[in-house]
Protein backbone atom coordinates (compact mmCIF):
# COMPACT_ATOMS: atom_id res chain seq x y z
CA UNK A 1 73.48 -86.60 4.98
CA UNK A 2 73.80 -90.65 5.62
CA UNK A 3 71.22 -92.33 3.04
CA UNK A 4 68.64 -95.90 4.94
CA UNK A 5 66.79 -96.64 1.66
CA UNK A 6 67.21 -99.71 0.76
CA UNK A 7 65.05 -101.46 3.53
CA UNK A 8 61.49 -101.15 3.04
CA UNK A 9 61.00 -100.92 6.78
CA UNK A 10 62.38 -97.63 6.12
CA UNK A 11 60.41 -94.63 7.32
CA UNK A 12 60.61 -90.43 5.46
CA UNK A 13 57.93 -88.84 7.60
CA UNK A 14 56.49 -85.23 6.85
CA UNK A 15 54.03 -83.10 8.45
CA UNK A 16 52.85 -79.99 7.21
CA UNK A 17 52.04 -77.08 9.00
CA UNK A 18 50.72 -74.03 7.92
CA UNK A 19 54.03 -72.55 9.00
CA UNK A 20 56.07 -75.10 9.20
CA UNK A 21 56.86 -78.40 7.53
CA UNK A 22 58.86 -80.86 9.38
CA UNK A 23 60.95 -84.04 8.36
CA UNK A 24 62.35 -87.08 10.50
CA UNK A 25 63.64 -90.61 9.03
CA UNK A 26 64.04 -93.50 11.00
CA UNK A 27 65.69 -96.53 9.48
CA UNK A 28 63.27 -99.14 11.54
CA UNK A 29 60.59 -97.14 11.40
CA UNK A 30 60.96 -96.70 15.17
CA UNK A 31 62.04 -93.24 17.58
CA UNK A 32 65.42 -96.03 18.14
CA UNK A 33 66.74 -95.61 14.76
CA UNK A 34 65.90 -91.78 13.88
CA UNK A 35 69.16 -91.20 11.99
CA UNK A 36 67.84 -87.26 10.58
CA UNK A 37 65.25 -84.48 10.91
CA UNK A 38 64.46 -80.82 9.31
CA UNK A 39 62.49 -77.97 9.36
CA UNK A 40 62.10 -75.51 7.74
CA UNK A 41 59.32 -72.39 7.92
CA UNK A 42 56.60 -71.51 5.10
CA UNK A 43 55.47 -68.15 4.25
CA UNK A 44 52.97 -66.93 5.04
CA UNK A 45 49.49 -68.01 3.25
CA UNK A 46 50.60 -70.14 1.33
CA UNK A 47 49.33 -72.88 3.20
CA UNK A 48 46.11 -71.52 5.14
CA UNK A 49 44.36 -73.92 7.49
CA UNK A 50 45.65 -76.89 5.83
CA UNK A 51 44.78 -75.78 2.34
CA UNK A 52 47.54 -74.79 -0.38
CA UNK A 53 46.37 -71.62 -1.72
CA UNK A 54 49.96 -71.25 -3.47
CA UNK A 55 50.54 -73.87 -5.81
CA UNK A 56 53.92 -72.61 -6.82
CA UNK A 57 55.29 -71.56 -4.01
CA UNK A 58 54.65 -74.53 -2.56
CA UNK A 59 55.61 -76.68 -5.20
CA UNK A 60 59.52 -74.01 -5.04
CA UNK A 61 59.77 -74.93 -1.21
CA UNK A 62 58.66 -78.35 -1.50
CA UNK A 63 61.50 -79.22 -3.76
CA UNK A 64 64.02 -77.07 -1.79
CA UNK A 65 62.80 -79.34 1.36
CA UNK A 66 63.03 -82.25 -1.04
CA UNK A 67 66.91 -81.70 -2.26
CA UNK A 68 67.97 -80.61 1.37
CA UNK A 69 66.49 -83.51 2.92
CA UNK A 70 67.44 -86.12 -0.05
CA UNK A 71 64.66 -88.05 -0.59
CA UNK A 72 63.98 -87.59 -3.98
CA UNK A 73 62.23 -90.44 -6.01
CA UNK A 74 61.53 -92.17 -1.90
CA UNK A 75 58.46 -93.45 -0.27
CA UNK A 76 57.20 -90.45 2.23
CA UNK A 77 54.50 -90.78 4.81
CA UNK A 78 52.43 -87.23 5.39
CA UNK A 79 49.74 -86.19 7.48
CA UNK A 80 46.42 -84.72 6.63
CA UNK A 81 46.54 -81.36 7.68
CA UNK A 82 44.49 -80.79 11.21
CA UNK A 83 40.83 -79.21 10.23
CA UNK A 84 40.76 -80.96 6.95
CA UNK A 85 39.17 -84.50 8.81
CA UNK A 86 35.95 -84.91 10.20
CA UNK A 87 35.80 -88.06 12.52
CA UNK A 88 32.04 -89.60 13.24
CA UNK A 89 31.24 -92.68 14.87
CA UNK A 90 28.53 -94.03 12.31
CA UNK A 91 26.38 -97.07 12.14
CA UNK A 92 26.50 -100.02 9.48
CA UNK A 93 23.97 -102.96 8.81
CA UNK A 94 25.95 -106.16 10.51
CA UNK A 95 25.40 -108.08 7.70
CA UNK A 96 27.71 -105.60 6.15
CA UNK A 97 31.41 -107.02 4.62
CA UNK A 98 34.02 -105.40 5.57
CA UNK A 99 34.17 -105.03 1.42
CA UNK A 100 31.68 -102.98 1.58
CA UNK A 101 31.17 -100.47 3.93
CA UNK A 102 33.09 -97.66 2.06
CA UNK A 103 30.23 -97.80 -0.26
CA UNK A 104 28.14 -97.93 2.21
CA UNK A 105 29.05 -94.51 3.46
CA UNK A 106 28.79 -92.78 0.30
CA UNK A 107 24.78 -94.06 0.80
CA UNK A 108 24.48 -93.01 3.78
CA UNK A 109 26.37 -89.81 3.03
CA UNK A 110 23.53 -86.91 3.17
CA UNK A 111 21.74 -89.18 5.07
CA UNK A 112 22.07 -90.87 8.52
CA UNK A 113 25.83 -88.99 7.24
CA UNK A 114 26.01 -85.75 7.32
CA UNK A 115 29.39 -84.13 6.33
CA UNK A 116 30.16 -80.29 6.70
CA UNK A 117 31.45 -80.82 3.03
CA UNK A 118 30.96 -82.39 -0.33
CA UNK A 119 32.93 -84.98 -2.32
CA UNK A 120 33.99 -86.97 0.80
CA UNK A 121 37.29 -89.14 0.62
CA UNK A 122 36.93 -91.63 3.37
CA UNK A 123 38.77 -94.40 5.58
CA UNK A 124 36.81 -95.93 8.86
CA UNK A 125 37.88 -98.45 11.41
CA UNK A 126 35.23 -101.27 12.70
CA UNK A 127 35.25 -101.20 16.79
CA UNK A 128 32.52 -104.12 16.85
CA UNK A 129 29.07 -105.35 16.91
CA UNK A 130 25.76 -103.55 18.78
CA UNK A 131 22.30 -103.90 18.89
CA UNK A 132 22.46 -105.87 15.24
CA UNK A 133 24.57 -103.12 14.03
CA UNK A 134 28.83 -102.71 13.21
CA UNK A 135 30.12 -99.52 14.76
CA UNK A 136 32.33 -97.80 12.61
CA UNK A 137 34.65 -95.26 13.24
CA UNK A 138 35.17 -92.75 10.08
CA UNK A 139 37.52 -91.02 8.93
CA UNK A 140 36.23 -87.98 6.00
CA UNK A 141 38.19 -85.97 4.66
CA UNK A 142 37.78 -83.31 1.76
CA UNK A 143 38.89 -85.47 -1.41
CA UNK A 144 40.54 -81.98 -3.49
CA UNK A 145 42.65 -81.23 0.05
CA UNK A 146 44.13 -84.86 -0.65
CA UNK A 147 44.42 -84.69 -4.10
CA UNK A 148 46.39 -81.23 -4.01
CA UNK A 149 49.17 -82.99 -1.58
CA UNK A 150 49.39 -86.31 -3.54
CA UNK A 151 49.35 -84.25 -7.15
CA UNK A 152 52.41 -82.08 -4.86
CA UNK A 153 54.16 -84.71 -3.76
CA UNK A 154 54.18 -86.20 -7.34
CA UNK A 155 55.37 -82.83 -9.32
CA UNK A 156 58.45 -82.52 -6.56
CA UNK A 157 59.25 -87.16 -7.20
CA UNK A 158 58.57 -88.18 -3.95
CA UNK A 159 56.26 -91.06 -3.83
CA UNK A 160 53.39 -90.98 -0.60
CA UNK A 161 52.40 -94.44 1.03
CA UNK A 162 51.00 -93.68 3.68
CA UNK A 163 48.06 -91.05 5.13
CA UNK A 164 47.85 -90.24 8.58
CA UNK A 165 46.38 -87.59 11.12
CA UNK A 166 48.40 -85.17 13.58
CA UNK A 167 46.45 -86.40 16.43
CA UNK A 168 46.73 -90.22 15.39
CA UNK A 169 50.96 -90.18 15.20
CA UNK A 170 51.17 -87.50 18.79
CA UNK A 171 49.21 -90.35 21.04
CA UNK A 172 51.37 -93.24 18.68
CA UNK A 173 54.29 -91.05 19.92
CA UNK A 174 52.75 -91.68 23.44
CA UNK A 175 51.26 -94.59 23.52
CA UNK A 176 55.17 -95.69 22.61
CA UNK A 177 56.73 -94.33 25.67
CA UNK A 178 53.60 -95.76 27.60
CA UNK A 179 51.80 -92.60 28.24
CA UNK A 180 48.05 -93.93 26.98
CA UNK A 181 45.68 -96.12 29.47
CA UNK A 182 42.11 -98.07 27.83
CA UNK A 183 40.93 -96.88 31.16
CA UNK A 184 37.86 -93.99 30.33
CA UNK A 185 38.13 -91.54 27.98
CA UNK A 186 42.40 -89.64 27.23
CA UNK A 187 42.09 -85.90 26.26
CA UNK A 188 45.19 -85.58 23.55
CA UNK A 189 45.84 -81.58 22.62
CA UNK A 190 48.21 -80.34 20.22
CA UNK A 191 49.46 -77.24 21.15
CA UNK A 192 50.95 -75.46 17.99
CA UNK A 193 51.72 -72.00 17.03
CA UNK A 194 48.70 -71.60 14.35
CA UNK A 195 46.16 -73.22 16.01
CA UNK A 196 44.70 -76.20 18.85
CA UNK A 197 44.08 -79.96 18.11
CA UNK A 198 41.14 -81.29 20.92
CA UNK A 199 40.97 -84.86 20.24
CA UNK A 200 38.86 -87.00 22.68
CA UNK A 201 40.64 -91.15 22.95
CA UNK A 202 38.67 -94.46 23.67
CA UNK A 203 40.32 -98.04 24.02
CA UNK A 204 42.96 -96.58 21.82
CA UNK A 205 40.48 -94.98 19.54
CA UNK A 206 39.67 -90.94 18.15
CA UNK A 207 36.84 -90.52 19.20
CA UNK A 208 35.57 -86.97 18.60
CA UNK A 209 37.94 -83.80 17.08
CA UNK A 210 37.82 -80.52 16.86
CA UNK A 211 40.24 -78.03 15.61
CA UNK A 212 40.67 -74.41 17.18
CA UNK A 213 42.21 -71.64 15.00
CA UNK A 214 44.56 -68.44 16.24
CA UNK A 215 43.16 -65.02 16.44
CA UNK A 216 47.32 -63.64 15.97
CA UNK A 217 48.35 -61.72 12.90
CA UNK A 218 50.19 -64.95 11.86
CA UNK A 219 52.54 -62.16 9.98
CA UNK A 220 54.37 -61.48 13.47
CA UNK A 221 55.45 -65.00 14.19
CA UNK A 222 59.48 -64.21 13.28
CA UNK A 223 61.60 -67.39 12.69
CA UNK A 224 64.30 -65.79 14.87
CA UNK A 225 67.08 -68.02 17.20
CA UNK A 226 68.54 -71.55 16.27
CA UNK A 227 65.57 -71.47 13.74
CA UNK A 228 62.49 -70.87 16.80
CA UNK A 229 59.69 -68.89 16.37
CA UNK A 230 59.42 -66.05 18.81
CA UNK A 231 56.79 -63.25 19.16
CA UNK A 232 57.46 -59.75 17.69
CA UNK A 233 53.71 -58.34 18.21
CA UNK A 234 52.20 -57.32 21.26
CA UNK A 235 52.97 -60.21 24.32
CA UNK A 236 49.63 -58.85 26.28
CA UNK A 237 47.67 -60.27 22.98
CA UNK A 238 50.24 -63.19 23.11
CA UNK A 239 48.88 -63.57 26.68
CA UNK A 240 44.86 -63.52 26.22
CA UNK A 241 45.79 -65.72 23.67
CA UNK A 242 46.89 -68.28 25.70
CA UNK A 243 43.96 -67.86 27.69
CA UNK A 244 41.25 -67.74 25.28
CA UNK A 245 43.21 -71.16 24.15
CA UNK A 246 42.73 -72.67 27.81
CA UNK A 247 39.14 -71.44 27.93
CA UNK A 248 37.87 -72.93 24.72
CA UNK A 249 39.48 -76.23 24.99
CA UNK A 250 37.17 -76.19 28.60
CA UNK A 251 34.61 -75.61 26.78
CA UNK A 252 35.20 -78.89 24.37
CA UNK A 253 36.26 -80.91 27.73
CA UNK A 254 32.58 -80.16 29.23
CA UNK A 255 30.97 -80.06 26.31
CA UNK A 256 31.73 -83.82 26.04
CA UNK A 257 31.84 -84.13 29.32
CA UNK A 258 28.51 -83.61 30.09
CA UNK A 259 26.67 -83.24 26.24
CA UNK A 260 28.54 -86.73 25.35
CA UNK A 261 29.57 -88.85 27.88
CA UNK A 262 26.77 -87.29 29.77
CA UNK A 263 27.69 -90.06 33.04
CA UNK A 264 28.79 -92.87 30.96
CA UNK A 265 32.25 -92.34 30.67
CA UNK A 266 35.11 -90.59 32.44
CA UNK A 267 38.21 -88.58 31.25
CA UNK A 268 41.07 -89.60 32.89
CA UNK A 269 44.33 -87.74 31.16
CA UNK A 270 45.13 -84.90 29.26
CA UNK A 271 48.02 -86.15 26.66
CA UNK A 272 49.67 -82.53 25.80
CA UNK A 273 52.37 -81.87 22.95
CA UNK A 274 52.67 -79.04 19.91
CA UNK A 275 54.95 -76.77 18.63
CA UNK A 276 54.53 -73.69 20.30
CA UNK A 277 57.56 -71.65 21.38
CA UNK A 278 55.58 -70.17 24.59
CA UNK A 279 54.78 -73.99 25.55
CA UNK A 280 55.76 -73.21 29.21
CA UNK A 281 53.54 -70.49 29.08
CA UNK A 282 50.50 -72.76 28.31
CA UNK A 283 51.36 -75.21 30.57
CA UNK A 284 50.77 -72.74 33.79
CA UNK A 285 47.95 -72.01 31.83
CA UNK A 286 46.60 -75.74 31.63
CA UNK A 287 47.82 -76.37 35.11
CA UNK A 288 46.10 -73.61 37.17
CA UNK A 289 42.39 -74.61 34.62
CA UNK A 290 42.61 -78.24 34.93
CA UNK A 291 41.71 -80.92 36.66
CA UNK A 292 42.51 -84.04 35.02
CA UNK A 293 46.46 -86.13 35.46
CA UNK A 294 48.35 -83.82 32.65
CA UNK A 295 51.13 -85.09 30.68
CA UNK A 296 53.42 -83.13 28.43
CA UNK A 297 55.90 -84.61 26.06
CA UNK A 298 58.71 -82.17 26.55
CA UNK A 299 58.62 -83.84 30.44
CA UNK A 300 58.85 -86.63 28.76
CA UNK A 301 62.92 -87.78 28.33
CA UNK A 302 63.28 -90.99 25.97
CA UNK A 303 62.29 -88.27 23.20
CA UNK A 304 65.11 -88.47 20.44
CA UNK A 305 64.11 -84.59 19.39
CA UNK A 306 62.92 -81.43 20.32
CA UNK A 307 59.35 -81.94 21.65
CA UNK A 308 58.38 -80.13 18.40
CA UNK A 309 59.13 -82.99 16.44
CA UNK A 310 55.65 -84.59 18.47
CA UNK A 311 53.74 -86.41 15.85
CA UNK A 312 56.24 -86.57 13.17
CA UNK A 313 57.81 -89.04 15.50
CA UNK A 314 54.13 -90.59 15.84
CA UNK A 315 54.03 -91.23 11.95
CA UNK A 316 56.88 -93.29 11.54
CA UNK A 317 55.36 -95.79 14.26
CA UNK A 318 53.20 -96.49 11.75
CA UNK A 319 53.14 -99.95 10.89
CA UNK A 320 50.03 -100.02 7.82
CA UNK A 321 52.43 -98.20 4.83
CA UNK A 322 51.53 -99.72 1.34
């Protein structure tokens, strides 16, 4: 493999899901200089809903990937698993300086800032002022989950220098391809084999996110032709799951439209991507169910890799790394 590791602008992006790990290397952090990519499917139940369950097996698996992709002792970027991150809008006093906001978030925890788990780790983005209050977009994840991944990376001799959300990475790729808009709200739907992630964006910021995990028996996904997944179970179960998934997305869409926006904003378009092996069936289901403008990543011609690499490609575009 050709190595472009001398430049500080090089990217080695990794996305780990319950069923697969993917890698993209880029010389300058853009899609035009992608020079390497790879994927390896994980044994069942090593990662479950984004959490490391079988650590020793995962370490061995990761060591094999690092060696195959020749990125040992390199800086890497990774995505925090879907379902392990909460996105919240929050307000703090406008007089609080930027460097003290994170401390204020911990102070508000359990009072005005409620999360479904203890011991979170925070990141945030200031959106502006409203009625003397700073509006803050808060990203919270379990500290243990992040620590588990970072400790494994360090054990296999790679150095994580940036963490991201798959939703942000996916949206970043759509933005790079001129498919985003500041008009109204945009719904991003990531349809993967094991789960679906639904995220609403406003002015390029995520404002609401929900993960919908598949009820299919994941053991029925088999790696077959050309390294792709195929469904070996009952076909009707697969079709019913796609219908159920579409219905769940519609429920989330209606909840946000009628209970959150309440007529104060409009949802203009839906951006769709994912690694679901039967994305064509998903596409037909969406086309029959949603009246929004639908933009499917696999219909765009400027993507240098198969569409299932959507989030890793978006991750190499991330500019903020240590």
